[in-house]
Amino acid sequence: MKKSVLNHVKTLKQFHTEIYKQQEENHREHYCAVHDAIVKYWNLGKCQSYMELGVHQGGTASNILLQKPKKVVLVDKNLDLYREYLEPIAIHYCDQNDIDLKTKECESIDLYAMEVECDMLFIDSYHKPDYMIQELSTHAHNTKKYIIAHDTYSVKSLHECLENFAMKNKWEVLEYNKKNVGYTVLGRK
């Protein structure tokens, strides 16, 4: 993923608008379609808590913060790109809107990454099925409503991993988007 230049943004809304625009320009139309899916299922499920595995610069994190959740947990093995632009904006926004924002700089499968529970889990970390299986094993039992994963059409084995997981557990595939890199949405049965 190409790095967006965001040193001119001052607000969370500006950050999200600009990173969305730059990512679509750099990676083609529909690259950010997952942002819309996150908001759709967030509202549909009346979600309040969110966990993200693989933050990069924080494009999807800014998207969910604009929904004013009660709690957000961001996990990445290296949060330097997040810290560069989004972190100060996010901290200020969360303070102003009473959002509990927590960051964890570690592998997404580490015990330290675990949370008690969340309504929605978003996965956009390592694009390897074996790793995703470990992430699901670590976090799915604490996820109450939805699991959304990015890049599941460009890396079809990730979608297959999610399908297999859903069949073996109390989850179902709600959506499989095949535009650009795609995404997959699982919902609790």
Protein backbone atom coordinates (compact mmCIF):
# COMPACT_ATOMS: atom_id res chain seq x y z
CA MET A 1 0.00 0.00 0.00
CA LYS A 2 1.30 3.43 -0.91
CA LYS A 3 1.72 5.92 1.89
CA SER A 4 -0.60 8.93 1.78
CA VAL A 5 0.72 12.45 2.41
CA LEU A 6 -1.41 13.98 5.15
CA ASN A 7 0.70 16.66 6.83
CA HIS A 8 -1.84 19.37 5.86
CA VAL A 9 -4.88 17.83 7.60
CA LYS A 10 -6.08 19.18 10.94
CA THR A 11 -9.36 17.40 11.71
CA LEU A 12 -10.49 13.79 11.72
CA LYS A 13 -12.99 14.43 8.93
CA GLN A 14 -10.25 16.04 6.78
CA PHE A 15 -7.94 13.11 7.53
CA HIS A 16 -10.49 10.52 6.48
CA THR A 17 -11.58 12.41 3.36
CA GLU A 18 -7.98 12.90 2.23
CA ILE A 19 -6.69 9.39 2.93
CA TYR A 20 -9.76 7.88 1.22
CA LYS A 21 -9.14 10.09 -1.85
CA GLN A 22 -5.43 9.32 -2.02
CA GLN A 23 -5.90 5.57 -1.53
CA GLU A 24 -8.52 5.46 -4.30
CA GLU A 25 -6.16 7.41 -6.59
CA ASN A 26 -3.19 5.18 -5.74
CA HIS A 27 -5.00 1.83 -5.79
CA ARG A 28 -7.94 2.45 -8.16
CA GLU A 29 -11.67 2.83 -7.67
CA HIS A 30 -13.35 0.70 -4.98
CA TYR A 31 -10.14 0.14 -3.02
CA CYS A 32 -11.83 1.83 -0.05
CA ALA A 33 -15.22 0.14 -0.50
CA VAL A 34 -14.58 -1.62 2.80
CA HIS A 35 -14.99 1.75 4.56
CA ASP A 36 -18.63 1.84 3.43
CA ALA A 37 -19.15 -1.78 4.48
CA ILE A 38 -17.78 -1.05 7.95
CA VAL A 39 -20.22 1.85 8.40
CA LYS A 40 -23.13 -0.18 6.95
CA TYR A 41 -22.68 -3.12 9.34
CA TRP A 42 -21.73 -0.85 12.23
CA ASN A 43 -25.10 0.89 11.96
CA LEU A 44 -27.04 -2.27 11.10
CA GLY A 45 -25.71 -4.05 14.19
CA LYS A 46 -25.92 -0.99 16.43
CA CYS A 47 -22.27 -1.59 17.27
CA GLN A 48 -20.44 0.28 20.01
CA SER A 49 -16.97 -1.30 20.17
CA TYR A 50 -14.42 -1.93 17.43
CA MET A 51 -11.06 -3.66 17.11
CA GLU A 52 -8.71 -3.33 14.14
CA LEU A 53 -5.81 -5.63 13.32
CA GLY A 54 -3.41 -3.91 10.91
CA VAL A 55 -3.68 -0.13 11.20
CA HIS A 56 -1.09 1.21 8.71
CA GLN A 57 -1.81 4.98 8.54
CA GLY A 58 -5.28 4.66 10.04
CA GLY A 59 -7.68 5.09 7.11
CA THR A 60 -10.28 2.63 8.37
CA ALA A 61 -9.58 3.68 11.97
CA SER A 62 -10.47 7.28 11.10
CA ASN A 63 -13.60 5.98 9.38
CA ILE A 64 -14.84 4.19 12.50
CA LEU A 65 -13.90 7.05 14.83
CA LEU A 66 -16.23 9.30 12.83
CA GLN A 67 -19.07 6.94 13.87
CA LYS A 68 -18.40 7.95 17.51
CA PRO A 69 -18.03 4.46 19.00
CA LYS A 70 -17.68 3.93 22.73
CA LYS A 71 -14.45 1.97 22.40
CA VAL A 72 -11.78 1.46 19.71
CA VAL A 73 -8.71 -0.80 19.94
CA LEU A 74 -6.04 -0.50 17.24
CA VAL A 75 -3.42 -3.25 16.96
CA ASP A 76 -0.34 -3.19 14.74
CA LYS A 77 3.20 -4.48 15.13
CA ASN A 78 4.45 -1.01 14.18
CA LEU A 79 2.32 2.08 14.81
CA ASP A 80 4.82 4.63 13.42
CA LEU A 81 2.68 5.46 10.36
CA TYR A 82 -0.38 5.91 12.59
CA ARG A 83 1.59 8.15 14.94
CA GLU A 84 2.86 10.34 12.10
CA TYR A 85 -0.48 11.96 11.22
CA LEU A 86 -3.54 10.39 12.80
CA GLU A 87 -2.58 9.83 16.42
CA PRO A 88 -2.70 13.47 17.64
CA ILE A 89 -5.89 14.12 15.69
CA ALA A 90 -7.49 10.89 16.96
CA ILE A 91 -6.56 11.54 20.59
CA HIS A 92 -8.05 15.04 20.46
CA TYR A 93 -11.21 13.78 18.72
CA CYS A 94 -11.65 10.93 21.20
CA ASP A 95 -11.20 13.28 24.17
CA GLN A 96 -13.84 15.61 22.72
CA ASN A 97 -16.29 12.76 22.01
CA ASP A 98 -15.76 10.51 25.05
CA ILE A 99 -14.32 7.62 23.01
CA ASP A 100 -12.09 5.09 24.75
CA LEU A 101 -9.18 4.75 22.30
CA LYS A 102 -6.50 2.16 22.96
CA THR A 103 -3.49 1.28 20.80
CA LYS A 104 -1.43 -1.89 21.11
CA GLU A 105 1.90 -2.17 19.35
CA CYS A 106 2.33 -5.90 18.98
CA GLU A 107 1.58 -8.82 16.68
CA SER A 108 -2.16 -9.29 16.29
CA ILE A 109 -1.90 -12.88 17.56
CA ASP A 110 -0.09 -11.94 20.78
CA LEU A 111 -1.97 -12.40 24.04
CA TYR A 112 -1.39 -8.70 24.69
CA ALA A 113 -3.53 -7.92 21.62
CA MET A 114 -6.60 -9.62 23.11
CA GLU A 115 -9.54 -7.63 24.44
CA VAL A 116 -12.47 -8.73 26.57
CA GLU A 117 -14.89 -8.20 23.69
CA CYS A 118 -15.83 -6.05 20.73
CA ASP A 119 -18.84 -5.79 18.45
CA MET A 120 -16.82 -5.56 15.24
CA LEU A 121 -13.39 -6.93 14.35
CA PHE A 122 -11.63 -5.62 11.25
CA ILE A 123 -8.68 -7.60 9.86
CA ASP A 124 -6.18 -6.03 7.47
CA SER A 125 -2.82 -7.29 8.73
CA TYR A 126 -0.75 -10.12 7.20
CA HIS A 127 -2.39 -11.43 4.09
CA LYS A 128 -1.64 -15.09 4.76
CA PRO A 129 -4.38 -17.64 5.55
CA ASP A 130 -2.33 -19.43 8.21
CA TYR A 131 -1.87 -16.15 10.04
CA MET A 132 -5.54 -15.24 9.66
CA ILE A 133 -6.49 -18.59 11.23
CA GLN A 134 -4.39 -17.63 14.25
CA GLU A 135 -6.03 -14.18 14.38
CA LEU A 136 -9.49 -15.75 14.28
CA SER A 137 -8.49 -18.22 16.98
CA THR A 138 -7.24 -15.34 19.14
CA HIS A 139 -10.06 -12.83 18.61
CA ALA A 140 -13.25 -14.34 17.12
CA HIS A 141 -14.60 -15.72 20.39
CA ASN A 142 -14.50 -12.17 21.81
CA THR A 143 -16.24 -10.66 18.77
CA LYS A 144 -19.99 -10.31 19.25
CA LYS A 145 -21.38 -9.29 15.85
CA TYR A 146 -19.15 -8.90 12.79
CA ILE A 147 -15.74 -9.79 11.38
CA ILE A 148 -14.71 -7.84 8.29
CA ALA A 149 -11.51 -8.53 6.36
CA HIS A 150 -9.95 -6.48 3.57
CA ASP A 151 -8.13 -7.80 0.47
CA THR A 152 -10.07 -11.07 0.32
CA TYR A 153 -10.62 -10.92 -3.44
CA SER A 154 -7.02 -10.09 -4.35
CA VAL A 155 -5.90 -12.83 -1.93
CA LYS A 156 -8.70 -15.36 -2.47
CA SER A 157 -7.22 -17.77 0.07
CA LEU A 158 -8.17 -15.25 2.78
CA HIS A 159 -11.82 -15.45 1.75
CA GLU A 160 -11.61 -19.25 1.70
CA CYS A 161 -10.12 -19.13 5.20
CA LEU A 162 -13.06 -17.02 6.40
CA GLU A 163 -15.58 -19.30 4.68
CA ASN A 164 -14.07 -22.38 6.34
CA PHE A 165 -14.00 -20.63 9.70
CA ALA A 166 -17.67 -19.63 9.34
CA MET A 167 -18.74 -23.17 8.41
CA LYS A 168 -16.99 -24.66 11.44
CA ASN A 169 -18.20 -22.04 13.89
CA LYS A 170 -21.35 -20.04 14.57
CA TRP A 171 -20.69 -17.50 11.82
CA GLU A 172 -21.97 -16.95 8.28
CA VAL A 173 -20.67 -15.08 5.24
CA LEU A 174 -22.89 -12.01 4.85
CA GLU A 175 -21.03 -10.40 1.97
CA TYR A 176 -18.17 -11.12 -0.38
CA ASN A 177 -17.18 -8.04 -2.35
CA LYS A 178 -15.12 -8.73 -5.48
CA LYS A 179 -14.38 -5.16 -6.60
CA ASN A 180 -10.73 -4.13 -6.61
CA VAL A 181 -9.04 -5.98 -3.68
CA GLY A 182 -12.40 -6.86 -2.16
CA TYR A 183 -13.55 -7.65 1.35
CA THR A 184 -15.51 -10.28 3.22
CA VAL A 185 -18.05 -9.76 6.01
CA LEU A 186 -18.92 -12.47 8.52
CA GLY A 187 -21.84 -12.20 10.93
CA ARG A 188 -22.70 -14.20 14.01
CA LYS A 189 -25.48 -16.74 13.48
